[in-house]
N, C-alpha and C. Protein backbone atom coordinates (compact mmCIF):
# COMPACT_ATOMS: atom_id res chain seq x y z
N MET A 1 133.51 84.08 143.42
CA MET A 1 132.35 85.18 142.73
C MET A 1 131.47 85.03 142.92
N SER A 2 130.49 85.71 143.29
CA SER A 2 128.78 85.53 143.03
C SER A 2 127.87 85.68 141.72
N ASN A 3 127.13 85.35 141.56
CA ASN A 3 126.59 85.00 140.09
C ASN A 3 126.57 86.75 139.27
N ALA A 4 126.56 87.64 139.75
CA ALA A 4 126.32 88.75 139.44
C ALA A 4 127.82 89.12 138.57
N ASP A 5 128.57 88.14 139.90
CA ASP A 5 130.34 88.68 139.05
C ASP A 5 130.17 88.06 137.98
N THR A 6 130.04 86.67 138.42
CA THR A 6 129.84 85.99 136.70
C THR A 6 129.68 86.43 135.80
N ALA A 7 128.41 86.61 136.03
CA ALA A 7 127.74 86.94 134.51
C ALA A 7 128.72 88.55 133.51
N GLN A 8 128.68 89.39 135.27
CA GLN A 8 129.59 89.79 133.79
C GLN A 8 131.09 89.46 133.57
N ALA A 9 131.66 88.72 134.63
CA ALA A 9 132.49 88.91 133.47
C ALA A 9 132.80 87.72 132.07
N ALA A 10 131.16 87.47 132.28
CA ALA A 10 130.95 86.11 131.14
C ALA A 10 130.91 87.55 129.74
N VAL A 11 129.97 88.76 130.15
CA VAL A 11 129.99 89.14 129.36
C VAL A 11 131.28 90.41 128.37
N GLY A 12 132.33 90.92 129.91
CA GLY A 12 132.86 91.56 129.11
C GLY A 12 132.33 93.01 128.89
N PRO A 13 133.28 94.26 129.18
CA PRO A 13 132.96 95.40 128.81
C PRO A 13 133.16 96.01 127.63
N THR A 14 132.56 97.01 127.40
CA THR A 14 132.61 97.26 125.64
C THR A 14 134.22 98.01 124.65
N VAL A 15 135.04 98.31 125.71
CA VAL A 15 136.06 98.23 125.23
C VAL A 15 136.12 97.02 124.37
N PRO A 16 136.79 97.29 122.70
CA PRO A 16 137.65 96.10 122.21
C PRO A 16 139.04 95.05 122.95
N PRO A 17 138.98 94.39 122.83
CA PRO A 17 140.45 93.67 123.69
C PRO A 17 141.34 93.96 122.32
N PRO A 18 142.44 93.56 123.17
CA PRO A 18 144.27 93.75 122.21
C PRO A 18 143.66 91.98 121.23
N GLY A 19 143.90 92.63 119.95
CA GLY A 19 143.36 92.11 118.91
C GLY A 19 142.16 91.30 118.17
N ALA A 20 141.59 91.90 118.24
CA ALA A 20 140.11 92.11 118.42
C ALA A 20 140.05 92.80 116.90
N LEU A 21 139.57 92.61 115.65
CA LEU A 21 139.42 92.46 114.55
C LEU A 21 139.10 93.76 114.10
N GLU A 22 138.80 94.37 112.95
CA GLU A 22 138.21 95.52 112.00
C GLU A 22 137.43 94.60 111.69
N PRO A 23 135.89 95.78 112.24
CA PRO A 23 134.40 94.69 111.16
C PRO A 23 134.77 95.13 109.56
N VAL A 24 134.34 93.45 109.22
CA VAL A 24 134.16 94.05 107.46
C VAL A 24 132.72 93.73 106.98
N ARG A 25 131.96 94.45 106.77
CA ARG A 25 131.09 94.90 105.70
C ARG A 25 130.64 93.52 105.08
N HIS A 26 129.43 92.83 105.11
CA HIS A 26 129.37 91.54 103.97
C HIS A 26 129.04 92.04 103.00
N PRO A 27 129.79 91.39 101.29
CA PRO A 27 129.10 91.70 100.48
C PRO A 27 127.56 91.15 100.17
N ASP A 28 126.95 90.90 101.01
CA ASP A 28 125.40 90.96 100.73
C ASP A 28 125.08 92.20 101.69
N ALA A 29 125.91 92.65 102.02
CA ALA A 29 124.24 93.48 102.78
C ALA A 29 124.24 94.52 102.23
N PRO A 30 122.68 94.92 102.71
CA PRO A 30 121.93 95.83 102.05
C PRO A 30 123.15 97.04 101.38
N ALA A 31 122.64 97.47 100.15
CA ALA A 31 122.65 98.86 99.56
C ALA A 31 123.32 100.45 100.62
N PRO A 32 124.15 100.83 100.68
CA PRO A 32 124.20 102.31 101.12
C PRO A 32 122.80 103.01 100.94
N GLY A 33 122.19 103.25 102.09
CA GLY A 33 121.25 104.02 101.88
C GLY A 33 119.45 103.45 101.75
N THR A 34 120.15 102.33 102.06
CA THR A 34 118.58 101.40 101.90
C THR A 34 117.75 101.57 103.23
N ASP A 35 117.02 101.80 103.74
CA ASP A 35 115.77 101.31 104.24
C ASP A 35 115.87 100.37 105.05
N LEU A 36 116.29 99.87 106.21
CA LEU A 36 116.51 98.79 106.86
C LEU A 36 115.43 97.54 106.98
N GLY A 37 114.10 98.88 107.16
CA GLY A 37 112.20 98.77 107.68
C GLY A 37 112.10 97.84 108.95
N PRO A 38 111.15 97.53 109.80
CA PRO A 38 111.59 96.61 110.99
C PRO A 38 111.88 95.57 111.19
N HIS A 39 112.20 94.72 112.05
CA HIS A 39 112.59 93.70 111.95
C HIS A 39 111.57 92.47 112.89
N TYR A 40 110.49 92.86 113.18
CA TYR A 40 109.82 92.53 114.14
C TYR A 40 108.50 94.26 113.90
N ALA A 41 107.23 93.67 113.39
CA ALA A 41 106.21 94.49 113.54
C ALA A 41 106.20 94.84 114.24
N HIS A 42 106.35 94.00 116.14
CA HIS A 42 105.43 95.15 117.21
C HIS A 42 107.00 95.52 118.58
N CYS A 43 108.36 95.52 117.38
CA CYS A 43 109.25 96.07 118.25
C CYS A 43 109.19 97.11 118.69
N PHE A 44 109.55 97.62 119.92
CA PHE A 44 108.80 99.00 120.27
C PHE A 44 109.63 99.96 119.79
N GLY A 45 110.80 99.59 119.25
CA GLY A 45 112.26 100.21 119.13
C GLY A 45 111.77 100.54 117.53
N CYS A 46 111.74 99.95 116.23
CA CYS A 46 111.05 99.84 114.96
C CYS A 46 109.87 99.44 114.40
N GLY A 47 109.50 98.66 114.86
CA GLY A 47 108.14 98.45 114.52
C GLY A 47 107.15 98.99 114.32
N ASP A 48 106.10 98.62 112.87
CA ASP A 48 105.56 99.70 113.21
C ASP A 48 103.89 99.98 113.35
N HIS A 49 103.49 98.31 114.55
CA HIS A 49 102.29 98.10 114.90
C HIS A 49 101.77 98.27 116.35
N LEU A 50 103.07 98.84 117.38
CA LEU A 50 102.62 99.96 118.07
C LEU A 50 102.17 101.21 118.25
N PRO A 51 101.74 101.73 118.26
CA PRO A 51 100.87 103.40 118.19
C PRO A 51 102.26 103.66 119.26
N ASN A 52 102.87 104.01 120.34
CA ASN A 52 103.87 104.62 121.13
C ASN A 52 104.85 104.39 121.16
N GLY A 53 105.17 103.11 120.24
CA GLY A 53 106.86 102.69 119.97
C GLY A 53 107.64 104.01 119.29
N LEU A 54 109.02 103.59 119.06
CA LEU A 54 109.43 104.86 118.72
C LEU A 54 109.60 104.86 117.32
N HIS A 55 109.17 103.86 116.67
CA HIS A 55 109.24 103.94 115.12
C HIS A 55 110.25 104.25 114.41
N LEU A 56 111.51 103.85 114.64
CA LEU A 56 113.10 104.23 114.46
C LEU A 56 113.22 104.10 113.24
N GLN A 57 113.33 104.65 112.07
CA GLN A 57 114.16 104.66 110.63
C GLN A 57 115.55 104.34 111.13
N VAL A 58 116.14 103.12 110.61
CA VAL A 58 117.35 103.04 110.07
C VAL A 58 117.44 102.41 108.53
N PHE A 59 118.77 103.38 108.14
CA PHE A 59 119.64 103.19 106.98
C PHE A 59 120.71 102.68 107.16
N ALA A 60 121.01 101.64 105.86
CA ALA A 60 122.24 101.55 105.38
C ALA A 60 123.29 102.60 105.81
N GLY A 61 124.46 102.38 105.86
CA GLY A 61 125.64 103.60 105.55
C GLY A 61 126.53 102.81 104.58
N GLN A 62 127.66 103.34 104.73
CA GLN A 62 128.84 102.94 103.53
C GLN A 62 129.44 102.21 103.87
N GLY A 63 130.02 101.73 105.11
CA GLY A 63 131.06 101.20 106.24
C GLY A 63 129.87 100.21 106.94
N VAL A 64 130.69 99.67 108.10
CA VAL A 64 129.78 99.14 109.08
C VAL A 64 129.10 100.03 110.25
N ASP A 65 127.78 100.71 109.43
CA ASP A 65 127.43 101.66 110.11
C ASP A 65 125.87 101.75 109.57
N VAL A 66 124.66 102.75 110.12
CA VAL A 66 123.88 102.73 109.70
C VAL A 66 123.49 104.13 110.59
N SER A 67 122.53 105.05 109.89
CA SER A 67 122.00 106.21 110.63
C SER A 67 120.73 105.65 111.49
N ALA A 68 119.85 106.23 112.06
CA ALA A 68 118.75 106.12 112.15
C ALA A 68 117.85 107.64 112.74
N ARG A 69 116.86 107.16 112.77
CA ARG A 69 115.63 108.32 113.19
C ARG A 69 114.46 108.62 113.88
N PHE A 70 114.11 109.16 115.21
CA PHE A 70 112.82 109.19 115.95
C PHE A 70 112.59 110.30 116.31
N GLU A 71 110.95 110.74 116.02
CA GLU A 71 110.32 111.87 116.62
C GLU A 71 109.70 111.69 118.16
N VAL A 72 110.55 112.09 119.33
CA VAL A 72 110.01 112.09 120.30
C VAL A 72 108.96 112.40 120.83
N THR A 73 108.00 111.89 121.12
CA THR A 73 106.47 112.28 121.43
C THR A 73 105.93 112.36 121.97
N GLU A 74 104.74 112.75 123.00
CA GLU A 74 104.37 113.17 124.69
C GLU A 74 104.08 111.54 125.36
N ALA A 75 104.39 110.85 123.97
CA ALA A 75 104.18 109.40 124.96
C ALA A 75 105.59 109.16 125.23
N HIS A 76 106.21 109.85 124.93
CA HIS A 76 108.44 109.28 125.08
C HIS A 76 108.86 109.88 125.94
N GLN A 77 107.52 110.91 127.38
CA GLN A 77 108.28 111.67 128.04
C GLN A 77 108.71 111.26 129.17
N GLY A 78 109.89 111.24 129.89
CA GLY A 78 110.09 111.27 131.53
C GLY A 78 109.23 112.03 132.12
N ALA A 79 110.48 113.52 132.69
CA ALA A 79 110.11 114.43 133.05
C ALA A 79 108.64 115.16 132.10
N PRO A 80 108.34 116.07 132.70
CA PRO A 80 107.37 116.65 131.42
C PRO A 80 107.94 117.59 130.65
N GLY A 81 107.64 117.48 129.26
CA GLY A 81 108.10 117.78 127.93
C GLY A 81 109.37 117.59 127.37
N LEU A 82 110.46 116.82 127.81
CA LEU A 82 111.54 116.08 127.97
C LEU A 82 111.82 114.16 127.41
N ALA A 83 111.97 113.86 127.42
CA ALA A 83 112.10 112.45 126.81
C ALA A 83 112.87 111.65 127.71
N HIS A 84 112.53 110.60 128.20
CA HIS A 84 112.54 109.68 129.30
C HIS A 84 113.74 109.47 128.78
N GLY A 85 115.02 108.99 130.12
CA GLY A 85 116.21 108.58 129.26
C GLY A 85 116.13 107.01 128.94
N GLY A 86 115.53 106.12 129.37
CA GLY A 86 115.25 104.64 129.06
C GLY A 86 115.07 104.52 127.37
N LEU A 87 114.55 105.58 126.98
CA LEU A 87 113.87 105.51 126.34
C LEU A 87 114.56 105.91 125.00
N LEU A 88 115.64 106.83 125.42
CA LEU A 88 116.45 107.35 124.33
C LEU A 88 117.46 105.51 124.49
N ALA A 89 118.25 105.01 125.40
CA ALA A 89 119.10 103.89 126.02
C ALA A 89 117.87 103.23 125.04
N CYS A 90 116.73 103.05 124.64
CA CYS A 90 116.11 102.20 123.43
C CYS A 90 116.47 101.83 122.20
N ALA A 91 116.33 103.33 122.01
CA ALA A 91 116.19 103.93 120.95
C ALA A 91 118.44 103.42 120.17
N PHE A 92 119.84 103.57 121.08
CA PHE A 92 121.02 103.33 120.93
C PHE A 92 120.41 101.66 120.58
N ASP A 93 119.61 100.73 121.51
CA ASP A 93 119.73 99.56 121.25
C ASP A 93 119.29 99.52 120.32
N GLU A 94 118.64 99.40 119.44
CA GLU A 94 117.86 99.07 118.17
C GLU A 94 118.84 99.91 117.21
N ALA A 95 118.98 100.75 116.99
CA ALA A 95 120.64 101.36 116.26
C ALA A 95 121.75 100.67 116.37
N LEU A 96 121.93 100.63 117.03
CA LEU A 96 123.39 99.54 117.52
C LEU A 96 123.18 98.48 116.98
N GLY A 97 122.48 97.08 117.31
CA GLY A 97 121.31 96.02 116.90
C GLY A 97 121.83 96.45 115.38
N SER A 98 120.83 96.41 114.68
CA SER A 98 121.10 97.45 113.49
C SER A 98 121.96 97.22 112.12
N VAL A 99 123.39 97.18 113.04
CA VAL A 99 124.32 97.33 112.40
C VAL A 99 124.75 96.31 112.12
N ASN A 100 124.71 95.26 112.90
CA ASN A 100 124.61 93.70 112.94
C ASN A 100 124.18 93.26 111.66
N TRP A 101 122.78 93.75 110.99
CA TRP A 101 122.84 93.70 109.87
C TRP A 101 123.54 93.58 108.06
N LEU A 102 124.27 94.35 108.77
CA LEU A 102 125.21 94.87 107.90
C LEU A 102 127.09 93.46 107.73
N LEU A 103 126.60 93.05 109.13
CA LEU A 103 127.61 92.09 109.01
C LEU A 103 127.39 90.36 109.15
N ARG A 104 125.65 90.13 108.79
CA ARG A 104 124.69 89.31 108.07
C ARG A 104 124.91 88.09 109.87
N VAL A 105 125.56 88.64 110.83
CA VAL A 105 125.10 87.32 111.18
C VAL A 105 124.21 88.49 112.41
N PRO A 106 122.71 87.01 113.62
CA PRO A 106 122.19 87.68 114.30
C PRO A 106 122.78 88.00 115.79
N ALA A 107 122.83 89.22 116.38
CA ALA A 107 123.31 89.53 117.68
C ALA A 107 122.64 89.66 118.48
N VAL A 108 122.49 89.86 119.95
CA VAL A 108 122.11 90.49 121.06
C VAL A 108 122.65 91.25 121.96
N THR A 109 122.01 92.14 122.46
CA THR A 109 122.58 93.09 123.46
C THR A 109 123.68 92.29 124.86
N GLY A 110 124.22 92.48 124.88
CA GLY A 110 125.51 91.96 125.84
C GLY A 110 125.37 92.77 127.14
N ARG A 111 126.00 94.24 126.71
CA ARG A 111 125.90 95.30 127.44
C ARG A 111 125.79 96.70 126.63
N LEU A 112 124.96 97.66 127.70
CA LEU A 112 124.97 98.70 126.73
C LEU A 112 125.00 100.19 128.17
N GLU A 113 126.26 100.79 127.37
CA GLU A 113 126.21 102.24 128.40
C GLU A 113 125.97 103.02 127.31
N THR A 114 125.05 104.05 128.27
CA THR A 114 124.82 105.23 127.67
C THR A 114 124.99 106.52 128.28
N ASP A 115 125.53 107.79 127.71
CA ASP A 115 125.88 108.80 128.80
C ASP A 115 124.60 110.22 127.72
N TYR A 116 124.38 110.79 128.63
CA TYR A 116 123.50 111.88 128.42
C TYR A 116 124.40 112.59 128.96
N LEU A 117 124.07 113.70 127.56
CA LEU A 117 124.52 115.34 127.35
C LEU A 117 124.19 116.29 127.39
N ARG A 118 122.58 116.67 127.42
CA ARG A 118 121.46 117.66 127.17
C ARG A 118 120.22 117.10 127.03
N PRO A 119 119.27 117.90 127.42
CA PRO A 119 118.09 117.26 127.96
C PRO A 119 117.65 117.17 126.34
N VAL A 120 116.21 116.42 125.92
CA VAL A 120 116.30 115.85 124.75
C VAL A 120 114.45 116.14 124.54
N PRO A 121 114.29 117.91 124.16
CA PRO A 121 112.44 118.18 124.19
C PRO A 121 111.86 117.19 123.70
N VAL A 122 110.34 117.21 123.88
CA VAL A 122 110.20 116.46 123.25
C VAL A 122 108.92 117.16 121.57
N GLY A 123 109.05 116.41 120.78
CA GLY A 123 108.97 117.21 119.14
C GLY A 123 110.17 116.70 118.28
N SER A 124 111.83 116.83 119.74
CA SER A 124 112.89 116.61 118.73
C SER A 124 112.49 115.58 117.86
N VAL A 125 113.31 115.62 116.92
CA VAL A 125 113.76 114.62 116.09
C VAL A 125 115.10 114.31 116.05
N VAL A 126 115.44 112.62 117.11
CA VAL A 126 117.26 112.36 117.26
C VAL A 126 117.57 111.49 116.02
N HIS A 127 118.35 112.35 116.02
CA HIS A 127 119.45 111.39 114.17
C HIS A 127 120.86 110.31 114.93
N ILE A 128 120.20 109.58 114.91
CA ILE A 128 121.86 108.55 115.72
C ILE A 128 122.72 108.01 114.78
N THR A 129 123.80 107.85 114.80
CA THR A 129 124.49 107.56 114.19
C THR A 129 125.33 106.43 114.68
N ALA A 130 125.32 104.91 113.90
CA ALA A 130 125.82 103.60 114.67
C ALA A 130 127.06 103.03 113.98
N ARG A 131 127.50 102.83 114.85
CA ARG A 131 128.77 102.06 113.82
C ARG A 131 129.45 100.61 114.68
N CYS A 132 130.12 99.80 113.68
CA CYS A 132 130.69 98.67 113.99
C CYS A 132 132.21 99.26 114.98
N VAL A 133 133.20 99.03 116.08
CA VAL A 133 134.20 99.36 115.28
C VAL A 133 135.09 98.05 115.92
N ALA A 134 135.02 97.19 116.10
CA ALA A 134 135.61 95.82 116.44
C ALA A 134 134.80 94.58 116.21
N VAL A 135 135.67 93.30 116.22
CA VAL A 135 134.82 91.95 116.40
C VAL A 135 136.17 91.41 117.34
N ALA A 136 135.62 90.57 118.19
CA ALA A 136 136.79 89.34 118.68
C ALA A 136 135.35 88.08 118.66
N GLY A 137 136.18 87.43 118.04
CA GLY A 137 135.07 86.07 118.10
C GLY A 137 133.36 86.14 118.47
N ARG A 138 132.74 86.09 118.94
CA ARG A 138 131.28 86.31 118.94
C ARG A 138 131.02 87.69 119.64
N LYS A 139 132.25 88.19 120.00
CA LYS A 139 131.40 89.98 120.25
C LYS A 139 131.64 91.18 119.59
N VAL A 140 130.69 91.89 119.57
CA VAL A 140 130.85 92.72 118.36
C VAL A 140 130.47 93.85 119.04
N TYR A 141 132.09 95.44 119.04
CA TYR A 141 131.76 96.02 119.77
C TYR A 141 131.67 97.58 118.41
N LEU A 142 130.69 98.16 119.66
CA LEU A 142 129.99 99.37 118.84
C LEU A 142 129.62 100.64 119.43
N ARG A 143 129.71 101.54 118.60
CA ARG A 143 129.51 103.07 119.38
C ARG A 143 128.24 103.99 118.67
N ALA A 144 128.17 104.30 119.11
CA ALA A 144 126.96 105.69 119.18
C ALA A 144 126.70 107.27 118.71
N GLU A 145 126.18 108.07 117.93
CA GLU A 145 126.10 109.20 118.61
C GLU A 145 125.12 109.79 118.28
N GLY A 146 123.64 109.94 119.21
CA GLY A 146 122.43 111.17 118.77
C GLY A 146 122.46 112.38 119.04
N ARG A 147 122.10 112.69 118.08
CA ARG A 147 121.71 114.23 117.87
C ARG A 147 120.59 114.90 117.00
N ILE A 148 120.49 116.17 118.09
CA ILE A 148 119.29 116.77 117.76
C ILE A 148 119.45 118.04 116.93
N ASN A 149 118.17 118.37 116.33
CA ASN A 149 118.07 119.73 115.56
C ASN A 149 119.06 119.34 114.35
N GLY A 150 118.90 118.10 113.46
CA GLY A 150 119.69 117.66 112.71
C GLY A 150 120.73 116.50 112.89
N PRO A 151 121.09 116.26 111.21
CA PRO A 151 122.36 115.04 111.82
C PRO A 151 123.85 115.47 111.71
N ASP A 152 123.66 116.80 111.86
CA ASP A 152 124.97 117.54 112.23
C ASP A 152 124.74 118.85 113.25
N GLY A 153 123.54 118.51 114.09
CA GLY A 153 123.19 119.01 115.26
C GLY A 153 123.48 118.63 116.80
N GLU A 154 123.08 119.37 117.57
CA GLU A 154 123.90 119.14 119.16
C GLU A 154 123.57 117.68 119.26
N LEU A 155 125.02 117.24 119.88
CA LEU A 155 125.70 115.96 120.50
C LEU A 155 124.16 116.09 122.39
N ALA A 156 123.44 114.96 122.25
CA ALA A 156 123.07 115.37 123.08
C ALA A 156 122.78 113.71 124.15
N ALA A 157 123.66 112.24 123.63
CA ALA A 157 123.96 111.35 124.13
C ALA A 157 125.08 110.82 123.50
N ARG A 158 125.04 109.45 123.97
CA ARG A 158 126.23 108.88 123.33
C ARG A 158 126.44 107.08 123.88
N ALA A 159 126.74 106.49 123.41
CA ALA A 159 126.56 105.35 124.00
C ALA A 159 127.63 103.94 123.00
N ALA A 160 127.99 103.08 124.01
CA ALA A 160 128.29 102.07 123.64
C ALA A 160 128.32 100.51 123.89
N ALA A 161 128.56 99.89 123.06
CA ALA A 161 127.76 98.51 123.72
C ALA A 161 128.28 97.56 123.29
N LEU A 162 127.76 96.38 123.64
CA LEU A 162 129.02 94.95 123.75
C LEU A 162 127.63 94.17 123.12
N PHE A 163 127.43 93.60 121.63
CA PHE A 163 127.12 92.57 121.60
C PHE A 163 127.45 91.20 121.30
N VAL A 164 126.77 89.95 120.84
CA VAL A 164 127.02 88.83 121.24
C VAL A 164 126.21 88.27 119.93
N GLN A 165 127.06 87.27 119.03
CA GLN A 165 126.52 87.00 118.21
C GLN A 165 125.91 85.43 118.50
N VAL A 166 124.47 85.05 117.77
CA VAL A 166 124.17 83.95 118.61
C VAL A 166 123.35 83.20 117.14
N LYS A 167 122.86 82.38 117.30
CA LYS A 167 122.40 81.39 116.27
C LYS A 167 120.58 81.87 116.45
N LEU A 168 120.56 81.66 114.95
CA LEU A 168 118.61 81.52 115.09
C LEU A 168 118.17 80.84 116.39
N THR A 169 118.43 79.21 116.56
CA THR A 169 117.82 78.39 117.97
C THR A 169 118.29 79.82 118.66
N HIS A 170 118.28 80.66 119.58
CA HIS A 170 118.44 81.94 120.73
C HIS A 170 117.16 82.29 120.52
N PHE A 171 116.12 82.30 119.20
CA PHE A 171 115.49 83.49 119.13
C PHE A 171 114.54 82.52 119.21
N THR A 172 113.86 81.35 118.89
CA THR A 172 113.45 80.02 119.28
C THR A 172 113.17 79.47 120.41
N THR A 173 114.00 78.86 120.71
CA THR A 173 114.03 78.47 121.90
C THR A 173 113.72 79.46 123.36
N HIS A 174 114.36 80.64 122.72
CA HIS A 174 113.73 81.60 124.20
C HIS A 174 112.66 83.18 123.71
N GLY A 175 112.14 82.47 122.94
CA GLY A 175 111.14 84.04 122.48
C GLY A 175 109.49 83.18 122.35
N ARG A 176 108.53 83.10 121.76
CA ARG A 176 107.81 82.11 121.33
C ARG A 176 107.69 81.80 119.48
N ALA A 177 108.36 80.25 119.47
CA ALA A 177 109.39 80.17 118.97
C ALA A 177 108.23 79.64 117.34
N ALA A 178 106.38 79.85 117.23
CA ALA A 178 105.93 79.64 116.04
C ALA A 178 105.61 81.27 115.43
N GLU A 179 105.57 82.15 116.71
CA GLU A 179 105.97 83.44 116.39
C GLU A 179 107.37 83.97 115.19
N VAL A 180 108.09 82.99 115.97
CA VAL A 180 109.45 83.43 114.99
C VAL A 180 109.49 83.41 113.88
N GLU A 181 109.14 82.03 113.91
CA GLU A 181 109.22 81.63 112.40
C GLU A 181 108.28 82.41 111.27
N THR A 182 106.83 82.56 111.64
CA THR A 182 106.48 83.13 111.30
C THR A 182 107.02 84.92 110.53
N VAL A 183 107.64 85.32 111.50
CA VAL A 183 108.71 86.40 111.17
C VAL A 183 109.88 86.22 109.75
N LEU A 184 110.43 84.95 110.32
CA LEU A 184 111.18 84.78 109.44
C LEU A 184 110.84 84.56 108.48
N ALA A 185 109.40 83.77 107.87
CA ALA A 185 108.69 83.74 106.68
C ALA A 185 108.50 84.63 105.88
N ASP A 186 108.19 85.90 106.20
CA ASP A 186 107.57 86.86 105.60
C ASP A 186 108.98 88.21 105.79
N THR A 187 109.67 87.74 104.67
CA THR A 187 110.71 88.69 104.17
C THR A 187 110.55 89.40 103.58
N GLU A 188 109.07 89.80 103.21
CA GLU A 188 108.33 90.85 102.58
C GLU A 188 108.65 91.88 103.61
N ARG A 189 107.94 91.97 104.70
CA ARG A 189 107.21 92.90 105.91
C ARG A 189 108.83 92.70 106.72
N HIS A 190 109.93 91.68 107.24
CA HIS A 190 110.57 91.95 108.08
C HIS A 190 112.23 91.62 107.15
N ARG A 191 113.41 92.32 107.89
CA ARG A 191 114.61 92.06 107.70
C ARG A 191 114.58 90.77 108.04
N SER A 192 115.29 89.72 106.38
CA SER A 192 115.05 88.71 107.23
C SER A 192 116.25 87.77 107.63
N LEU A 193 115.73 87.55 108.79
CA LEU A 193 117.84 86.53 109.63
C LEU A 193 117.91 85.38 108.68
N ARG A 194 117.48 83.94 107.93
CA ARG A 194 117.64 83.18 107.57
C ARG A 194 118.75 83.62 106.22
N ALA A 195 118.72 84.83 106.00
CA ALA A 195 119.56 85.16 105.01
C ALA A 195 121.32 84.84 105.48
N PHE A 196 121.32 85.24 106.89
CA PHE A 196 122.30 85.72 107.15
C PHE A 196 123.11 84.42 107.45
N GLU A 197 124.45 84.66 107.30
CA GLU A 197 126.14 83.29 107.57
C GLU A 197 125.65 82.79 109.10
N ILE A 198 125.50 82.07 109.67
CA ILE A 198 125.32 81.94 111.19
C ILE A 198 126.43 81.36 111.57
N ASN A 199 127.93 81.09 111.64
CA ASN A 199 128.96 80.84 112.43
C ASN A 199 129.65 80.83 113.61
N PRO A 200 129.21 81.32 114.80
CA PRO A 200 128.94 82.39 115.96
C PRO A 200 130.28 80.65 116.94
């Protein structure tokens, strides 16, 4: 088995295995309708410090789900006048990752699959709904849809993902530790990871 095959086997498919559990919203999860704000000001997906970022706004849902939205700008083009497909995948990744705030366990993307159903023009507002469908050990299984022309508008894309729960040391070991600590300490500006129960 090659290294690529081993890595793929370690992550696994986005379909929950038999025996996976129903997700449970943490009792301390943000209230439904809460604007979750950015988890990091310099995040391309949700941060507010990058002029050409997505500036994705994410809101807690009623269950283990979120709604999100962003406007496709000139800076987000792939083909002339149309959103770049990778940028739409980025928006899904950000929205799906935000669902973990309702489980109160940090997690990182293991696999993301995106289906593109129709072109998304510049100037469109993309409305994303994302939800957790199952949890199996440290693996979190999620689904999302992206619509344009309103939350109930035309279905433009959908995604399935597998996230893997991690400990905070994942970020300090692999990222810039001092900056991670600064972000964790600034709970007024960033979502706080310190409040999570971390038992993966």
